[in-house]
């Protein structure tokens, strides 16, 4: 994983809950360094080629 804009640590800042009661599909990620927020599908977090769990 190669950091972009010195962003290599993220946290899930919000889970987007659909109003119609359907399953959760998206979350907001916030970069610890820049505070930039990005909305992604939560399943993309399972891609170990892009994301790793913990502070490494």
N, C-alpha and C. Protein backbone atom coordinates (compact mmCIF):
# COMPACT_ATOMS: atom_id res chain seq x y z
N UNK A 1 0.84 -1.17 0.00
CA UNK A 1 0.00 0.00 0.00
C UNK A 1 0.88 1.23 0.00
N UNK A 2 0.68 2.11 -0.96
CA UNK A 2 1.47 3.34 -1.08
C UNK A 2 0.62 4.53 -0.64
N UNK A 3 1.04 5.27 0.38
CA UNK A 3 0.26 6.42 0.84
C UNK A 3 0.19 7.51 -0.23
N UNK A 4 -0.95 8.14 -0.32
CA UNK A 4 -1.16 9.27 -1.24
C UNK A 4 -1.37 10.51 -0.37
N UNK A 5 -0.68 11.59 -0.67
CA UNK A 5 -0.76 12.84 0.10
C UNK A 5 -0.47 12.61 1.59
N UNK A 6 0.48 11.72 1.88
CA UNK A 6 0.89 11.40 3.24
C UNK A 6 -0.25 10.84 4.07
N UNK A 7 -1.29 10.34 3.42
CA UNK A 7 -2.42 9.74 4.12
C UNK A 7 -2.27 8.23 4.11
N UNK A 8 -2.01 7.67 5.27
CA UNK A 8 -1.90 6.22 5.35
C UNK A 8 -2.68 5.65 6.52
N UNK A 9 -3.25 6.51 7.36
CA UNK A 9 -4.07 6.06 8.47
C UNK A 9 -5.46 6.67 8.34
N UNK A 10 -6.47 5.82 8.42
CA UNK A 10 -7.85 6.26 8.26
C UNK A 10 -8.70 5.67 9.38
N UNK A 11 -9.83 6.31 9.64
CA UNK A 11 -10.80 5.76 10.57
C UNK A 11 -12.18 5.89 9.96
N UNK A 12 -13.05 4.98 10.33
CA UNK A 12 -14.43 5.06 9.87
C UNK A 12 -15.10 6.13 10.73
N UNK A 13 -15.48 7.24 10.12
CA UNK A 13 -16.05 8.34 10.88
C UNK A 13 -17.58 8.30 10.89
N UNK A 14 -18.18 7.56 9.95
CA UNK A 14 -19.64 7.49 9.92
C UNK A 14 -20.07 6.26 9.13
N UNK A 15 -21.04 5.58 9.66
CA UNK A 15 -21.69 4.48 8.94
C UNK A 15 -22.97 5.06 8.36
N UNK A 16 -23.14 4.95 7.05
CA UNK A 16 -24.31 5.54 6.39
C UNK A 16 -25.44 4.51 6.40
N UNK A 17 -26.46 4.80 7.19
CA UNK A 17 -27.60 3.89 7.35
C UNK A 17 -28.71 4.35 6.41
N UNK A 18 -29.11 3.50 5.46
CA UNK A 18 -30.18 3.86 4.54
C UNK A 18 -31.51 4.08 5.27
N UNK A 19 -32.26 5.09 4.85
CA UNK A 19 -33.53 5.42 5.49
C UNK A 19 -34.59 4.35 5.26
N UNK A 20 -34.46 3.59 4.18
CA UNK A 20 -35.49 2.60 3.85
C UNK A 20 -35.29 1.27 4.57
N UNK A 21 -34.31 1.18 5.45
CA UNK A 21 -34.08 -0.03 6.21
C UNK A 21 -33.27 -1.09 5.48
N UNK A 22 -32.80 -0.79 4.27
CA UNK A 22 -31.97 -1.74 3.54
C UNK A 22 -30.59 -1.86 4.21
N UNK A 23 -29.85 -2.90 3.90
CA UNK A 23 -28.54 -3.12 4.54
C UNK A 23 -27.56 -1.96 4.30
N UNK A 24 -26.67 -1.79 5.24
CA UNK A 24 -25.63 -0.76 5.14
C UNK A 24 -24.68 -1.12 4.01
N UNK A 25 -24.38 -0.15 3.14
CA UNK A 25 -23.47 -0.40 2.02
C UNK A 25 -22.29 0.57 1.99
N UNK A 26 -22.40 1.73 2.64
CA UNK A 26 -21.35 2.75 2.56
C UNK A 26 -20.94 3.26 3.94
N UNK A 27 -19.70 3.69 4.02
CA UNK A 27 -19.17 4.33 5.21
C UNK A 27 -18.34 5.54 4.78
N UNK A 28 -18.16 6.47 5.71
CA UNK A 28 -17.25 7.59 5.48
C UNK A 28 -15.92 7.26 6.16
N UNK A 29 -14.83 7.41 5.40
CA UNK A 29 -13.48 7.26 5.95
C UNK A 29 -12.88 8.63 6.09
N UNK A 30 -12.19 8.86 7.21
CA UNK A 30 -11.52 10.13 7.43
C UNK A 30 -10.03 9.89 7.58
N UNK A 31 -9.24 10.62 6.81
CA UNK A 31 -7.78 10.53 6.91
C UNK A 31 -7.33 11.20 8.20
N UNK A 32 -6.51 10.51 8.97
CA UNK A 32 -6.04 11.04 10.25
C UNK A 32 -5.15 12.27 10.03
N UNK A 33 -4.31 12.24 9.01
CA UNK A 33 -3.36 13.34 8.77
C UNK A 33 -4.03 14.61 8.28
N UNK A 34 -4.89 14.51 7.27
CA UNK A 34 -5.45 15.71 6.64
C UNK A 34 -6.90 15.99 7.02
N UNK A 35 -7.56 15.05 7.69
CA UNK A 35 -8.97 15.16 8.04
C UNK A 35 -9.91 15.09 6.83
N UNK A 36 -9.37 14.73 5.67
CA UNK A 36 -10.18 14.59 4.46
C UNK A 36 -11.11 13.40 4.63
N UNK A 37 -12.36 13.56 4.16
CA UNK A 37 -13.35 12.49 4.27
C UNK A 37 -13.73 11.98 2.89
N UNK A 38 -13.89 10.68 2.80
CA UNK A 38 -14.26 10.03 1.54
C UNK A 38 -15.29 8.95 1.84
N UNK A 39 -16.31 8.85 0.99
CA UNK A 39 -17.33 7.82 1.14
C UNK A 39 -16.97 6.64 0.25
N UNK A 40 -16.97 5.44 0.85
CA UNK A 40 -16.64 4.22 0.11
C UNK A 40 -17.64 3.13 0.50
N UNK A 41 -17.67 2.06 -0.30
CA UNK A 41 -18.47 0.91 0.09
C UNK A 41 -17.73 0.18 1.21
N UNK A 42 -18.47 -0.28 2.19
CA UNK A 42 -17.79 -0.92 3.32
C UNK A 42 -17.13 -2.22 2.91
N UNK A 43 -17.64 -2.87 1.90
CA UNK A 43 -17.02 -4.13 1.45
C UNK A 43 -15.63 -3.91 0.84
N UNK A 44 -15.36 -2.71 0.34
CA UNK A 44 -14.02 -2.45 -0.22
C UNK A 44 -12.95 -2.49 0.87
N UNK A 45 -13.34 -2.34 2.13
CA UNK A 45 -12.38 -2.44 3.23
C UNK A 45 -11.84 -3.85 3.40
N UNK A 46 -12.53 -4.83 2.83
CA UNK A 46 -12.08 -6.22 2.91
C UNK A 46 -10.95 -6.53 1.93
N UNK A 47 -10.65 -5.61 1.02
CA UNK A 47 -9.61 -5.80 0.01
C UNK A 47 -8.24 -5.59 0.68
N UNK A 48 -7.56 -6.68 1.00
CA UNK A 48 -6.27 -6.59 1.71
C UNK A 48 -5.15 -6.06 0.83
N UNK A 49 -5.36 -5.96 -0.47
CA UNK A 49 -4.35 -5.35 -1.34
C UNK A 49 -4.34 -3.83 -1.18
N UNK A 50 -5.43 -3.28 -0.65
CA UNK A 50 -5.56 -1.83 -0.49
C UNK A 50 -5.53 -1.42 0.98
N UNK A 51 -6.20 -2.20 1.83
CA UNK A 51 -6.38 -1.82 3.24
C UNK A 51 -5.80 -2.88 4.16
N UNK A 52 -5.18 -2.44 5.25
CA UNK A 52 -4.76 -3.34 6.32
C UNK A 52 -5.31 -2.81 7.64
N UNK A 53 -5.59 -3.70 8.55
CA UNK A 53 -6.13 -3.31 9.85
C UNK A 53 -4.97 -2.96 10.79
N UNK A 54 -5.13 -1.89 11.54
CA UNK A 54 -4.15 -1.52 12.55
C UNK A 54 -3.17 -0.46 12.08
N UNK A 55 -2.27 -0.11 12.96
CA UNK A 55 -1.26 0.92 12.70
C UNK A 55 0.06 0.23 12.40
N UNK A 56 0.43 0.21 11.13
CA UNK A 56 1.66 -0.45 10.74
C UNK A 56 2.62 0.52 10.11
